[in-house]
Each structure stands twice: as C-alpha cells, then as structure tokens.
Amino acid sequence: MSLDSDVIVDRRRIRRKLTFWRVVAVVVAIAAIVTVGLVATPAGRASLTSSGSIARVNIEGLIRSDQSRVEALERLEKSQAVAVIVHINSPGGTTAGSEQLYDSLVRLKAKKPVVVVVEGLAASGGYIAALAADHIVARQSSLVGSIGVLFQFPNFTELLKTVGVKVEEVKSSPLKAAPNGFEPTSPEARAALDALVKDSYAWFRGLVKERRGMDEVLIEKVADGRVFTGRQAVELKLVDQLGDEKAAVAWLVAEKKIKSDTPVRDYRLTPRFGDMTFLRTAASISFDALGLGSIARQIEQAGVVQAVDQLSLDGMLALWRPAAPN
C-alpha cells in the first residue's frame, strides 16, 4: 500500500515537472516568434531599415477611421526616411475616415516628400487620400475619380407589411433617428439627408479644385461622380503623370533631389504590435499543445470576428461601387 502511494506521489511530481517545462517551452516559443515577427514583418523591418531610404506605404481596400494608422504615419514623420511613396488601391470608404487619412498624409508631406502611385483604383475616399500628395502617378488603366458622396439605407416597409410586422417608436422629434428603414422616409428627413450629402460633396469638390488647381469649368466636368482611366485623368488634371513606382522615384530624384540609388523599403501602417496574426497563430498552437483546444479555437475565431467587423461601414460614404448587372 505504501509502495503504491510512493508511485502515485512520484507520478504527480513528474507530471508537475513536465507541465512546468511545457509552460516554459511555450513561453520561450511565443517570445521567439514575437521577436522574429517584429523583425521579419514590414512593420518591424521599417524601424531597422527606414533610415536613408524611401518608405513604401500601401493603402488598400475600404478606408475608415483608424487611429493606429494615424499613429503609424506620425512615426513615419519622425523617421529617417527621406521620402514616401504611397500606393493606393481603394474604392474609398467613409468620408470621415478618408478625411482622417488625408489629414495624416498632409502632415507627413510637411516633413518629407510624398508621391502617390495609383494601382488599380483610387476612387472617392481613395482619391481624397491621393490629393494629399506632392505628385500623383497612375497607370494607364487605373481608375481615378468618383468625386461625390453617398448616403444609402435599406427600407423594409414593404417587407414588414408582407410578414405582418409593425415597428412602433416614441421619439423626441420627427427627425430623430430618421431615416430608420421601418417606415417611408418623410420629405423632411430626405431634405435633411440631402443637405448633409450636398455639404460633404461641396467640401470634396472644393478640395479637388484647390489641390489640383482647377477652374470652375474643369471641376464641373470631373466632379459628376464618374471614374476615369489614368490616361483620361492626366488630361483632366486629376493625376500628374502615367507610370508606376519607378516613375515616382524618378520624379523624386528630379524634383526633390533624392539620390537615384536610394532604396525603397516597405513601411506597414500598423502599430508595432498591431499585426498580431503570427502571435495569434503561435498562441493557438501553444494552447493546443497544452491540451487547451477550446481556448485555441477561440483565439482563431477572434481573427475572423475582427475581419468581419472591418467590413462594416457606418456614416456617410465617399465610396465607388460599380453598378450591378441587371
């Protein structure tokens, strides 16, 4: 009986030791992955290699308010990068988010030369961001423009009638939470929305006119909401020249006296610990190794939830959407 007790005690002692060393191994592994990630990712490399280089920044997808992006651009302002090339491939996003990005790029331009290269698309809010640059380069087949503002909302009144649902409400004034999608939009609510859209459009239009040096005739021609190819955009003064990153570098060399052999290096617009994909993966694997599979699944799902959340756009939009086929 005593022998059995000793065996059990020994097994428990061995199990505790194994658990301890497993935890130590996991902590060391995560620390190593974090260190490698910070050095290997563009954000980590930027702090090590931006000195004396041209920083390459990418603006892609939907644009919305993003404080981490503002802080990243502020760090870039203080870096030793001699110039910045911003690659844009975006249909726009919220007007507030686009204005925030524009303001950040204007502040950056005050510290070092900024050139924008339009890849596939710089429309609406994407073009607002491009307006901050000293020089705009676009490919011949790029799409540029869509100068306008949009406010869209679904209306479910006919559907609610069909299913026999009525939404009741008590509100302080007729225009509170209007439109709400559960009742026909009143003329007063539509007029209030129209005033919002027109005011934002006037700001966008005035920004284009001022930044691109257009007269009233030309701004009237380009500010009707359509997009233009890069070839058309040059003629309409929406962009300065056709080309790619090499053309942007050549302009910096000719106009801003940047040395022709200056390297171009990536600078990622995330906080230093903001791109946590590699860390989530490491943590998931580590928890799985410890037998905590449910926690591992939750960590993986957190990334999915975050990605879905980024698809939501609230507020007024400066966004280009190609028309759906009939």
C-alpha atoms as a PDB file:
ATOM      1  CA  MET A   1       0.000   0.000   0.000  1.00  0.00           C
ATOM      2  CA  SER A   2       2.864   2.326   0.921  1.00  0.00           C
ATOM      3  CA  LEU A   3       4.609   1.420  -2.328  1.00  0.00           C
ATOM      4  CA  ASP A   4       1.523   2.378  -4.342  1.00  0.00           C
ATOM      5  CA  SER A   5       1.360   5.723  -2.539  1.00  0.00           C
ATOM      6  CA  ASP A   6       5.008   6.417  -3.330  1.00  0.00           C
ATOM      7  CA  VAL A   7       4.424   5.604  -7.014  1.00  0.00           C
ATOM      8  CA  ILE A   8       1.440   7.962  -7.152  1.00  0.00           C
ATOM      9  CA  VAL A   9       3.416  10.747  -5.475  1.00  0.00           C
ATOM     10  CA  ASP A  10       6.325  10.225  -7.884  1.00  0.00           C
ATOM     11  CA  ARG A  11       3.985  10.320 -10.879  1.00  0.00           C
ATOM     12  CA  ARG A  12       2.389  13.535  -9.672  1.00  0.00           C
ATOM     13  CA  ARG A  13       5.824  15.081  -9.128  1.00  0.00           C
ATOM     14  CA  ILE A  14       6.912  14.075 -12.643  1.00  0.00           C
ATOM     15  CA  ARG A  15       3.645  15.408 -14.124  1.00  0.00           C
ATOM     16  CA  ARG A  16       4.128  18.768 -12.371  1.00  0.00           C
ATOM     17  CA  LYS A  17       7.682  18.987 -13.698  1.00  0.00           C
ATOM     18  CA  LEU A  18       6.528  18.159 -17.218  1.00  0.00           C
ATOM     19  CA  THR A  19       3.776  20.771 -17.017  1.00  0.00           C
ATOM     20  CA  PHE A  20       6.245  23.367 -15.761  1.00  0.00           C
ATOM     21  CA  TRP A  21       8.722  22.717 -18.551  1.00  0.00           C
ATOM     22  CA  ARG A  22       5.931  22.654 -21.130  1.00  0.00           C
ATOM     23  CA  VAL A  23       4.804  26.096 -19.986  1.00  0.00           C
ATOM     24  CA  VAL A  24       8.402  27.346 -20.056  1.00  0.00           C
ATOM     25  CA  ALA A  25       8.844  25.952 -23.572  1.00  0.00           C
ATOM     26  CA  VAL A  26       5.615  27.600 -24.765  1.00  0.00           C
ATOM     27  CA  VAL A  27       6.604  30.971 -23.272  1.00  0.00           C
ATOM     28  CA  VAL A  28      10.044  30.765 -24.907  1.00  0.00           C
ATOM     29  CA  ALA A  29       8.466  29.758 -28.236  1.00  0.00           C
ATOM     30  CA  ILE A  30       5.990  32.650 -28.160  1.00  0.00           C
ATOM     31  CA  ALA A  31       8.760  35.104 -27.228  1.00  0.00           C
ATOM     32  CA  ALA A  32      10.886  33.816 -30.105  1.00  0.00           C
ATOM     33  CA  ILE A  33       8.007  34.073 -32.583  1.00  0.00           C
ATOM     34  CA  VAL A  34       7.200  37.613 -31.419  1.00  0.00           C
ATOM     35  CA  THR A  35      10.840  38.644 -31.837  1.00  0.00           C
ATOM     36  CA  VAL A  36      11.113  37.062 -35.276  1.00  0.00           C
ATOM     37  CA  GLY A  37       7.753  38.536 -36.281  1.00  0.00           C
ATOM     38  CA  LEU A  38       8.740  42.052 -35.277  1.00  0.00           C
ATOM     39  CA  VAL A  39      11.940  41.801 -37.286  1.00  0.00           C
ATOM     40  CA  ALA A  40      10.540  39.865 -40.247  1.00  0.00           C
ATOM     41  CA  THR A  41       7.311  41.797 -40.800  1.00  0.00           C
ATOM     42  CA  PRO A  42       7.413  45.091 -42.711  1.00  0.00           C
ATOM     43  CA  ALA A  43       6.471  46.988 -39.553  1.00  0.00           C
ATOM     44  CA  GLY A  44       9.428  45.543 -37.700  1.00  0.00           C
ATOM     45  CA  ARG A  45      11.851  45.974 -40.546  1.00  0.00           C
ATOM     46  CA  ALA A  46      10.799  49.566 -41.070  1.00  0.00           C
ATOM     47  CA  SER A  47      12.242  50.687 -37.750  1.00  0.00           C
ATOM     48  CA  LEU A  48      15.526  48.981 -38.634  1.00  0.00           C
ATOM     49  CA  THR A  49      15.862  49.910 -42.298  1.00  0.00           C
ATOM     50  CA  SER A  50      13.930  53.127 -42.918  1.00  0.00           C
ATOM     51  CA  SER A  51      16.998  55.275 -42.294  1.00  0.00           C
ATOM     52  CA  GLY A  52      18.144  56.865 -45.544  1.00  0.00           C
ATOM     53  CA  SER A  53      15.506  55.056 -47.627  1.00  0.00           C
ATOM     54  CA  ILE A  54      12.255  55.850 -49.398  1.00  0.00           C
ATOM     55  CA  ALA A  55       9.346  54.411 -47.406  1.00  0.00           C
ATOM     56  CA  ARG A  56       6.717  52.455 -49.334  1.00  0.00           C
ATOM     57  CA  VAL A  57       3.215  52.668 -47.831  1.00  0.00           C
ATOM     58  CA  ASN A  58       0.182  50.697 -49.055  1.00  0.00           C
ATOM     59  CA  ILE A  59      -3.422  51.909 -48.756  1.00  0.00           C
ATOM     60  CA  GLU A  60      -5.743  49.105 -49.814  1.00  0.00           C
ATOM     61  CA  GLY A  61      -9.413  48.236 -49.528  1.00  0.00           C
ATOM     62  CA  LEU A  62     -12.097  50.161 -47.685  1.00  0.00           C
ATOM     63  CA  ILE A  63     -10.996  53.264 -45.824  1.00  0.00           C
ATOM     64  CA  ARG A  64     -12.446  54.002 -42.403  1.00  0.00           C
ATOM     65  CA  SER A  65     -11.279  55.884 -39.327  1.00  0.00           C
ATOM     66  CA  ASP A  66      -8.190  54.173 -37.931  1.00  0.00           C
ATOM     67  CA  GLN A  67      -6.193  55.676 -35.076  1.00  0.00           C
ATOM     68  CA  SER A  68      -3.432  53.073 -35.390  1.00  0.00           C
ATOM     69  CA  ARG A  69      -2.868  54.216 -38.980  1.00  0.00           C
ATOM     70  CA  VAL A  70      -2.633  57.837 -37.815  1.00  0.00           C
ATOM     71  CA  GLU A  71      -0.034  56.869 -35.209  1.00  0.00           C
ATOM     72  CA  ALA A  72       1.946  54.836 -37.756  1.00  0.00           C
ATOM     73  CA  LEU A  73       2.109  57.820 -40.105  1.00  0.00           C
ATOM     74  CA  GLU A  74       3.185  60.024 -37.208  1.00  0.00           C
ATOM     75  CA  ARG A  75       6.043  57.611 -36.531  1.00  0.00           C
ATOM     76  CA  LEU A  76       6.938  57.790 -40.197  1.00  0.00           C
ATOM     77  CA  GLU A  77       7.053  61.598 -39.923  1.00  0.00           C
ATOM     78  CA  LYS A  78       9.748  61.239 -37.255  1.00  0.00           C
ATOM     79  CA  SER A  79      11.681  58.501 -39.041  1.00  0.00           C
ATOM     80  CA  GLN A  80      14.858  58.923 -41.077  1.00  0.00           C
ATOM     81  CA  ALA A  81      13.082  58.048 -44.359  1.00  0.00           C
ATOM     82  CA  VAL A  82      13.944  60.682 -46.979  1.00  0.00           C
ATOM     83  CA  ALA A  83      10.633  60.405 -48.879  1.00  0.00           C
ATOM     84  CA  VAL A  84       7.430  58.380 -49.032  1.00  0.00           C
ATOM     85  CA  ILE A  85       5.686  56.600 -51.903  1.00  0.00           C
ATOM     86  CA  VAL A  86       2.045  55.779 -51.141  1.00  0.00           C
ATOM     87  CA  HIS A  87       0.484  53.019 -53.245  1.00  0.00           C
ATOM     88  CA  ILE A  88      -3.310  53.337 -53.328  1.00  0.00           C
ATOM     89  CA  ASN A  89      -5.757  50.674 -54.437  1.00  0.00           C
ATOM     90  CA  SER A  90      -9.056  51.631 -52.816  1.00  0.00           C
ATOM     91  CA  PRO A  91     -12.676  52.329 -53.793  1.00  0.00           C
ATOM     92  CA  GLY A  92     -12.933  54.719 -50.829  1.00  0.00           C
ATOM     93  CA  GLY A  93     -14.915  54.307 -47.633  1.00  0.00           C
ATOM     94  CA  THR A  94     -16.373  56.661 -45.049  1.00  0.00           C
ATOM     95  CA  THR A  95     -15.932  60.390 -45.579  1.00  0.00           C
ATOM     96  CA  ALA A  96     -14.648  60.775 -42.020  1.00  0.00           C
ATOM     97  CA  GLY A  97     -12.078  58.007 -42.427  1.00  0.00           C
ATOM     98  CA  SER A  98     -10.934  59.410 -45.782  1.00  0.00           C
ATOM     99  CA  GLU A  99     -10.591  62.900 -44.315  1.00  0.00           C
ATOM    100  CA  GLN A 100      -8.595  61.491 -41.392  1.00  0.00           C
ATOM    101  CA  LEU A 101      -6.206  59.729 -43.775  1.00  0.00           C
ATOM    102  CA  TYR A 102      -5.894  62.846 -45.939  1.00  0.00           C
ATOM    103  CA  ASP A 103      -5.012  64.992 -42.906  1.00  0.00           C
ATOM    104  CA  SER A 104      -2.389  62.450 -41.768  1.00  0.00           C
ATOM    105  CA  LEU A 105      -0.767  62.413 -45.207  1.00  0.00           C
ATOM    106  CA  VAL A 106      -0.769  66.236 -45.351  1.00  0.00           C
ATOM    107  CA  ARG A 107       1.085  66.346 -42.031  1.00  0.00           C
ATOM    108  CA  LEU A 108       3.515  63.731 -43.356  1.00  0.00           C
ATOM    109  CA  LYS A 109       4.049  65.765 -46.544  1.00  0.00           C
ATOM    110  CA  ALA A 110       5.056  68.769 -44.433  1.00  0.00           C
ATOM    111  CA  LYS A 111       8.033  66.724 -43.163  1.00  0.00           C
ATOM    112  CA  LYS A 112       9.113  64.820 -46.293  1.00  0.00           C
ATOM    113  CA  PRO A 113       8.145  64.490 -49.985  1.00  0.00           C
ATOM    114  CA  VAL A 114       5.112  62.283 -50.675  1.00  0.00           C
ATOM    115  CA  VAL A 115       4.224  60.736 -54.032  1.00  0.00           C
ATOM    116  CA  VAL A 116       1.089  58.665 -54.665  1.00  0.00           C
ATOM    117  CA  VAL A 117       1.045  55.769 -57.114  1.00  0.00           C
ATOM    118  CA  VAL A 118      -2.478  54.718 -58.113  1.00  0.00           C
ATOM    119  CA  GLU A 119      -2.543  50.990 -58.696  1.00  0.00           C
ATOM    120  CA  GLY A 120      -5.903  49.597 -59.764  1.00  0.00           C
ATOM    121  CA  LEU A 121      -8.204  52.156 -58.181  1.00  0.00           C
ATOM    122  CA  ALA A 122      -8.230  55.471 -56.336  1.00  0.00           C
ATOM    123  CA  ALA A 123     -11.886  56.414 -56.250  1.00  0.00           C
ATOM    124  CA  SER A 124     -13.912  58.618 -53.910  1.00  0.00           C
ATOM    125  CA  GLY A 125     -12.218  58.380 -50.497  1.00  0.00           C
ATOM    126  CA  GLY A 126      -9.218  56.746 -52.150  1.00  0.00           C
ATOM    127  CA  TYR A 127      -8.825  59.808 -54.335  1.00  0.00           C
ATOM    128  CA  ILE A 128      -9.276  62.100 -51.304  1.00  0.00           C
ATOM    129  CA  ALA A 129      -6.211  60.400 -49.813  1.00  0.00           C
ATOM    130  CA  ALA A 130      -4.292  60.820 -53.086  1.00  0.00           C
ATOM    131  CA  LEU A 131      -4.957  64.571 -53.072  1.00  0.00           C
ATOM    132  CA  ALA A 132      -2.592  64.985 -50.124  1.00  0.00           C
ATOM    133  CA  ALA A 133       0.464  64.084 -52.218  1.00  0.00           C
ATOM    134  CA  ASP A 134       3.002  66.374 -53.865  1.00  0.00           C
ATOM    135  CA  HIS A 135       2.644  64.335 -57.063  1.00  0.00           C
ATOM    136  CA  ILE A 136       0.180  61.680 -58.303  1.00  0.00           C
ATOM    137  CA  VAL A 137       1.216  58.890 -60.670  1.00  0.00           C
ATOM    138  CA  ALA A 138      -1.301  56.464 -62.185  1.00  0.00           C
ATOM    139  CA  ARG A 139      -1.166  53.529 -64.520  1.00  0.00           C
ATOM    140  CA  GLN A 140      -2.827  53.960 -67.901  1.00  0.00           C
ATOM    141  CA  SER A 141      -5.662  51.583 -66.993  1.00  0.00           C
ATOM    142  CA  SER A 142      -6.082  52.719 -63.366  1.00  0.00           C
ATOM    143  CA  LEU A 143      -9.482  54.071 -62.363  1.00  0.00           C
ATOM    144  CA  VAL A 144      -9.457  57.502 -60.737  1.00  0.00           C
ATOM    145  CA  GLY A 145     -12.104  59.952 -59.543  1.00  0.00           C
ATOM    146  CA  SER A 146     -15.670  59.214 -58.469  1.00  0.00           C
ATOM    147  CA  ILE A 147     -15.846  62.661 -56.898  1.00  0.00           C
ATOM    148  CA  GLY A 148     -19.037  62.500 -54.902  1.00  0.00           C
ATOM    149  CA  VAL A 149     -20.706  61.485 -51.640  1.00  0.00           C
ATOM    150  CA  LEU A 150     -23.229  58.746 -50.962  1.00  0.00           C
ATOM    151  CA  PHE A 151     -25.755  58.041 -48.218  1.00  0.00           C
ATOM    152  CA  GLN A 152     -27.535  54.700 -48.572  1.00  0.00           C
ATOM    153  CA  PHE A 153     -30.010  52.978 -46.303  1.00  0.00           C
ATOM    154  CA  PRO A 154     -32.342  49.998 -46.731  1.00  0.00           C
ATOM    155  CA  ASN A 155     -36.085  50.411 -46.375  1.00  0.00           C
ATOM    156  CA  PHE A 156     -38.024  47.377 -45.136  1.00  0.00           C
ATOM    157  CA  THR A 157     -41.548  48.830 -45.088  1.00  0.00           C
ATOM    158  CA  GLU A 158     -42.942  46.608 -47.855  1.00  0.00           C
ATOM    159  CA  LEU A 159     -41.300  43.509 -46.361  1.00  0.00           C
ATOM    160  CA  LEU A 160     -42.737  44.297 -42.919  1.00  0.00           C
ATOM    161  CA  LYS A 161     -46.211  44.647 -44.435  1.00  0.00           C
ATOM    162  CA  THR A 162     -45.811  41.251 -46.085  1.00  0.00           C
ATOM    163  CA  VAL A 163     -44.820  39.462 -42.882  1.00  0.00           C
ATOM    164  CA  GLY A 164     -47.251  41.429 -40.732  1.00  0.00           C
ATOM    165  CA  VAL A 165     -44.770  43.215 -38.503  1.00  0.00           C
ATOM    166  CA  LYS A 166     -45.199  46.780 -37.312  1.00  0.00           C
ATOM    167  CA  VAL A 167     -42.406  48.715 -35.578  1.00  0.00           C
ATOM    168  CA  GLU A 168     -43.585  51.255 -33.033  1.00  0.00           C
ATOM    169  CA  GLU A 169     -41.451  54.007 -31.531  1.00  0.00           C
ATOM    170  CA  VAL A 170     -41.524  57.026 -29.291  1.00  0.00           C
ATOM    171  CA  LYS A 171     -39.048  59.778 -30.153  1.00  0.00           C
ATOM    172  CA  SER A 172     -38.345  63.320 -29.082  1.00  0.00           C
ATOM    173  CA  SER A 173     -38.699  64.949 -32.509  1.00  0.00           C
ATOM    174  CA  PRO A 174     -39.732  63.966 -36.057  1.00  0.00           C
ATOM    175  CA  LEU A 175     -36.174  63.835 -37.418  1.00  0.00           C
ATOM    176  CA  LYS A 176     -34.708  61.791 -34.552  1.00  0.00           C
ATOM    177  CA  ALA A 177     -33.215  58.538 -35.973  1.00  0.00           C
ATOM    178  CA  ALA A 178     -34.527  59.338 -39.442  1.00  0.00           C
ATOM    179  CA  PRO A 179     -34.433  57.516 -41.738  1.00  0.00           C
ATOM    180  CA  ASN A 180     -34.910  54.291 -39.819  1.00  0.00           C
ATOM    181  CA  GLY A 181     -35.807  51.849 -42.604  1.00  0.00           C
ATOM    182  CA  PHE A 182     -39.035  50.758 -40.914  1.00  0.00           C
ATOM    183  CA  GLU A 183     -41.265  53.484 -42.350  1.00  0.00           C
ATOM    184  CA  PRO A 184     -41.377  55.563 -45.537  1.00  0.00           C
ATOM    185  CA  THR A 185     -38.826  58.374 -45.488  1.00  0.00           C
ATOM    186  CA  SER A 186     -40.592  61.685 -44.877  1.00  0.00           C
ATOM    187  CA  PRO A 187     -39.885  64.695 -47.127  1.00  0.00           C
ATOM    188  CA  GLU A 188     -38.353  66.464 -44.123  1.00  0.00           C
ATOM    189  CA  ALA A 189     -35.972  63.564 -43.406  1.00  0.00           C
ATOM    190  CA  ARG A 190     -34.999  63.312 -47.069  1.00  0.00           C
ATOM    191  CA  ALA A 191     -34.305  67.043 -47.193  1.00  0.00           C
ATOM    192  CA  ALA A 192     -32.096  66.801 -44.081  1.00  0.00           C
ATOM    193  CA  LEU A 193     -30.093  63.951 -45.638  1.00  0.00           C
ATOM    194  CA  ASP A 194     -29.829  65.843 -48.903  1.00  0.00           C
ATOM    195  CA  ALA A 195     -28.324  68.808 -47.034  1.00  0.00           C
ATOM    196  CA  LEU A 196     -25.726  66.515 -45.406  1.00  0.00           C
ATOM    197  CA  VAL A 197     -24.733  64.970 -48.719  1.00  0.00           C
ATOM    198  CA  LYS A 198     -24.511  68.323 -50.502  1.00  0.00           C
ATOM    199  CA  ASP A 199     -22.382  69.843 -47.748  1.00  0.00           C
ATOM    200  CA  SER A 200     -19.913  66.941 -47.808  1.00  0.00           C
ATOM    201  CA  TYR A 201     -19.869  67.000 -51.599  1.00  0.00           C
ATOM    202  CA  ALA A 202     -19.074  70.725 -51.564  1.00  0.00           C
ATOM    203  CA  TRP A 203     -16.119  70.009 -49.272  1.00  0.00           C
ATOM    204  CA  PHE A 204     -14.854  67.178 -51.515  1.00  0.00           C
ATOM    205  CA  ARG A 205     -15.312  69.213 -54.688  1.00  0.00           C
ATOM    206  CA  GLY A 206     -13.576  72.253 -53.163  1.00  0.00           C
ATOM    207  CA  LEU A 207     -10.670  70.068 -52.047  1.00  0.00           C
ATOM    208  CA  VAL A 208     -10.173  68.736 -55.584  1.00  0.00           C
ATOM    209  CA  LYS A 209     -10.432  72.207 -57.097  1.00  0.00           C
ATOM    210  CA  GLU A 210      -7.878  73.663 -54.685  1.00  0.00           C
ATOM    211  CA  ARG A 211      -5.372  70.794 -54.634  1.00  0.00           C
ATOM    212  CA  ARG A 212      -5.427  70.204 -58.400  1.00  0.00           C
ATOM    213  CA  GLY A 213      -5.587  73.865 -59.428  1.00  0.00           C
ATOM    214  CA  MET A 214      -8.763  73.544 -61.486  1.00  0.00           C
ATOM    215  CA  ASP A 215     -11.016  76.281 -62.782  1.00  0.00           C
ATOM    216  CA  GLU A 216     -14.796  76.104 -62.465  1.00  0.00           C
ATOM    217  CA  VAL A 217     -15.267  74.669 -65.952  1.00  0.00           C
ATOM    218  CA  LEU A 218     -12.903  71.759 -65.362  1.00  0.00           C
ATOM    219  CA  ILE A 219     -14.136  70.921 -61.856  1.00  0.00           C
ATOM    220  CA  GLU A 220     -17.682  70.852 -63.209  1.00  0.00           C
ATOM    221  CA  LYS A 221     -16.569  68.330 -65.813  1.00  0.00           C
ATOM    222  CA  VAL A 222     -14.788  65.916 -63.462  1.00  0.00           C
ATOM    223  CA  ALA A 223     -16.964  66.154 -60.335  1.00  0.00           C
ATOM    224  CA  ASP A 224     -20.078  64.374 -61.610  1.00  0.00           C
ATOM    225  CA  GLY A 225     -19.327  61.095 -59.805  1.00  0.00           C
ATOM    226  CA  ARG A 226     -17.827  59.108 -62.655  1.00  0.00           C
ATOM    227  CA  VAL A 227     -14.420  57.410 -62.701  1.00  0.00           C
ATOM    228  CA  PHE A 228     -11.756  58.000 -65.346  1.00  0.00           C
ATOM    229  CA  THR A 229      -8.903  55.887 -66.651  1.00  0.00           C
ATOM    230  CA  GLY A 230      -5.378  57.001 -65.875  1.00  0.00           C
ATOM    231  CA  ARG A 231      -4.997  58.213 -69.469  1.00  0.00           C
ATOM    232  CA  GLN A 232      -8.125  60.344 -69.142  1.00  0.00           C
ATOM    233  CA  ALA A 233      -7.163  61.523 -65.659  1.00  0.00           C
ATOM    234  CA  VAL A 234      -3.889  63.038 -66.915  1.00  0.00           C
ATOM    235  CA  GLU A 235      -5.758  65.131 -69.465  1.00  0.00           C
ATOM    236  CA  LEU A 236      -8.250  66.231 -66.810  1.00  0.00           C
ATOM    237  CA  LYS A 237      -5.524  67.157 -64.275  1.00  0.00           C
ATOM    238  CA  LEU A 238      -6.706  64.558 -61.777  1.00  0.00           C
ATOM    239  CA  VAL A 239      -3.227  62.975 -61.847  1.00  0.00           C
ATOM    240  CA  ASP A 240       0.154  64.337 -62.881  1.00  0.00           C
ATOM    241  CA  GLN A 241       1.660  61.560 -64.982  1.00  0.00           C
ATOM    242  CA  LEU A 242       1.345  57.974 -66.113  1.00  0.00           C
ATOM    243  CA  GLY A 243       3.650  55.315 -64.747  1.00  0.00           C
ATOM    244  CA  ASP A 244       4.469  53.141 -61.760  1.00  0.00           C
ATOM    245  CA  GLU A 245       6.788  53.235 -58.751  1.00  0.00           C
ATOM    246  CA  LYS A 246       9.811  53.763 -60.975  1.00  0.00           C
ATOM    247  CA  ALA A 247       8.175  56.924 -62.335  1.00  0.00           C
ATOM    248  CA  ALA A 248       7.518  58.073 -58.763  1.00  0.00           C
ATOM    249  CA  VAL A 249      11.172  57.527 -57.819  1.00  0.00           C
ATOM    250  CA  ALA A 250      12.326  59.351 -60.955  1.00  0.00           C
ATOM    251  CA  TRP A 251      10.150  62.340 -60.001  1.00  0.00           C
ATOM    252  CA  LEU A 252      11.612  62.376 -56.503  1.00  0.00           C
ATOM    253  CA  VAL A 253      15.113  62.315 -57.968  1.00  0.00           C
ATOM    254  CA  ALA A 254      14.383  65.121 -60.437  1.00  0.00           C
ATOM    255  CA  GLU A 255      12.217  67.382 -58.290  1.00  0.00           C
ATOM    256  CA  LYS A 256      13.192  66.657 -54.680  1.00  0.00           C
ATOM    257  CA  LYS A 257      16.909  65.888 -55.205  1.00  0.00           C
ATOM    258  CA  ILE A 258      16.632  62.389 -53.747  1.00  0.00           C
ATOM    259  CA  LYS A 259      19.650  60.258 -54.656  1.00  0.00           C
ATOM    260  CA  SER A 260      18.880  57.904 -57.531  1.00  0.00           C
ATOM    261  CA  ASP A 261      20.309  54.878 -55.697  1.00  0.00           C
ATOM    262  CA  THR A 262      18.132  55.379 -52.598  1.00  0.00           C
ATOM    263  CA  PRO A 263      16.415  52.051 -51.788  1.00  0.00           C
ATOM    264  CA  VAL A 264      12.631  51.775 -51.457  1.00  0.00           C
ATOM    265  CA  ARG A 265      11.544  49.783 -48.400  1.00  0.00           C
ATOM    266  CA  ASP A 266       8.147  48.762 -47.077  1.00  0.00           C
ATOM    267  CA  TYR A 267       6.593  50.570 -44.138  1.00  0.00           C
ATOM    268  CA  ARG A 268       3.464  48.921 -42.797  1.00  0.00           C
ATOM    269  CA  LEU A 269       0.632  51.029 -41.422  1.00  0.00           C
ATOM    270  CA  THR A 270       0.050  49.000 -38.276  1.00  0.00           C
ATOM    271  CA  PRO A 271       1.216  49.696 -34.741  1.00  0.00           C
ATOM    272  CA  ARG A 272       4.373  47.898 -33.717  1.00  0.00           C
ATOM    273  CA  PHE A 273       2.349  45.170 -32.028  1.00  0.00           C
ATOM    274  CA  GLY A 274      -0.713  45.715 -34.208  1.00  0.00           C
ATOM    275  CA  ASP A 275      -0.288  42.867 -36.683  1.00  0.00           C
ATOM    276  CA  MET A 276      -0.946  40.041 -34.261  1.00  0.00           C
ATOM    277  CA  THR A 277      -1.695  37.314 -36.824  1.00  0.00           C
ATOM    278  CA  PHE A 278       1.557  35.486 -36.211  1.00  0.00           C
ATOM    279  CA  LEU A 279       1.093  35.863 -32.437  1.00  0.00           C
ATOM    280  CA  ARG A 280      -2.466  34.502 -32.531  1.00  0.00           C
ATOM    281  CA  THR A 281      -1.219  31.518 -34.534  1.00  0.00           C
ATOM    282  CA  ALA A 282       1.597  30.878 -32.070  1.00  0.00           C
ATOM    283  CA  ALA A 283      -0.730  31.147 -29.077  1.00  0.00           C
ATOM    284  CA  SER A 284      -3.269  28.851 -30.722  1.00  0.00           C
ATOM    285  CA  ILE A 285      -0.630  26.173 -31.393  1.00  0.00           C
ATOM    286  CA  SER A 286       0.770  26.533 -27.884  1.00  0.00           C
ATOM    287  CA  PHE A 287      -2.589  26.203 -26.134  1.00  0.00           C
ATOM    288  CA  ASP A 288      -3.388  23.216 -28.336  1.00  0.00           C
ATOM    289  CA  ALA A 289      -0.114  21.597 -27.276  1.00  0.00           C
ATOM    290  CA  LEU A 290      -1.111  22.076 -23.638  1.00  0.00           C
ATOM    291  CA  GLY A 291      -4.436  20.370 -24.252  1.00  0.00           C
ATOM    292  CA  LEU A 292      -6.430  23.619 -24.112  1.00  0.00           C
ATOM    293  CA  GLY A 293      -8.009  23.200 -27.518  1.00  0.00           C
ATOM    294  CA  SER A 294     -11.123  25.240 -26.756  1.00  0.00           C
ATOM    295  CA  ILE A 295      -9.009  28.317 -25.976  1.00  0.00           C
ATOM    296  CA  ALA A 296      -7.076  27.753 -29.203  1.00  0.00           C
ATOM    297  CA  ARG A 297     -10.328  27.742 -31.199  1.00  0.00           C
ATOM    298  CA  GLN A 298     -11.441  30.995 -29.537  1.00  0.00           C
ATOM    299  CA  ILE A 299      -8.155  32.666 -30.454  1.00  0.00           C
ATOM    300  CA  GLU A 300      -8.508  31.611 -34.102  1.00  0.00           C
ATOM    301  CA  GLN A 301     -12.121  32.800 -34.201  1.00  0.00           C
ATOM    302  CA  ALA A 302     -11.110  36.200 -32.796  1.00  0.00           C
ATOM    303  CA  GLY A 303      -9.270  36.897 -36.034  1.00  0.00           C
ATOM    304  CA  VAL A 304     -12.396  36.009 -38.046  1.00  0.00           C
ATOM    305  CA  VAL A 305     -14.603  38.267 -35.917  1.00  0.00           C
ATOM    306  CA  GLN A 306     -12.149  41.138 -36.356  1.00  0.00           C
ATOM    307  CA  ALA A 307     -12.126  40.653 -40.143  1.00  0.00           C
ATOM    308  CA  VAL A 308     -15.947  40.660 -40.299  1.00  0.00           C
ATOM    309  CA  ASP A 309     -16.087  43.798 -38.143  1.00  0.00           C
ATOM    310  CA  GLN A 310     -13.807  45.610 -40.577  1.00  0.00           C
ATOM    311  CA  LEU A 311     -16.373  45.148 -43.343  1.00  0.00           C
ATOM    312  CA  SER A 312     -18.956  47.365 -41.628  1.00  0.00           C
ATOM    313  CA  LEU A 313     -19.084  50.977 -42.746  1.00  0.00           C
ATOM    314  CA  ASP A 314     -21.131  53.460 -40.759  1.00  0.00           C
ATOM    315  CA  GLY A 315     -21.922  57.057 -41.670  1.00  0.00           C
ATOM    316  CA  MET A 316     -21.662  58.979 -44.911  1.00  0.00           C
ATOM    317  CA  LEU A 317     -19.630  57.316 -47.633  1.00  0.00           C
ATOM    318  CA  ALA A 318     -17.136  58.525 -50.206  1.00  0.00           C
ATOM    319  CA  LEU A 319     -17.212  55.187 -51.966  1.00  0.00           C
ATOM    320  CA  TRP A 320     -17.254  53.960 -55.564  1.00  0.00           C
ATOM    321  CA  ARG A 321     -19.326  50.867 -56.314  1.00  0.00           C
ATOM    322  CA  PRO A 322     -19.644  49.584 -59.872  1.00  0.00           C
ATOM    323  CA  ALA A 323     -23.272  49.142 -60.886  1.00  0.00           C
ATOM    324  CA  ALA A 324     -24.613  45.600 -60.518  1.00  0.00           C
ATOM    325  CA  PRO A 325     -25.729  43.913 -63.745  1.00  0.00           C
ATOM    326  CA  ASN A 326     -29.483  43.869 -64.378  1.00  0.00           C
END
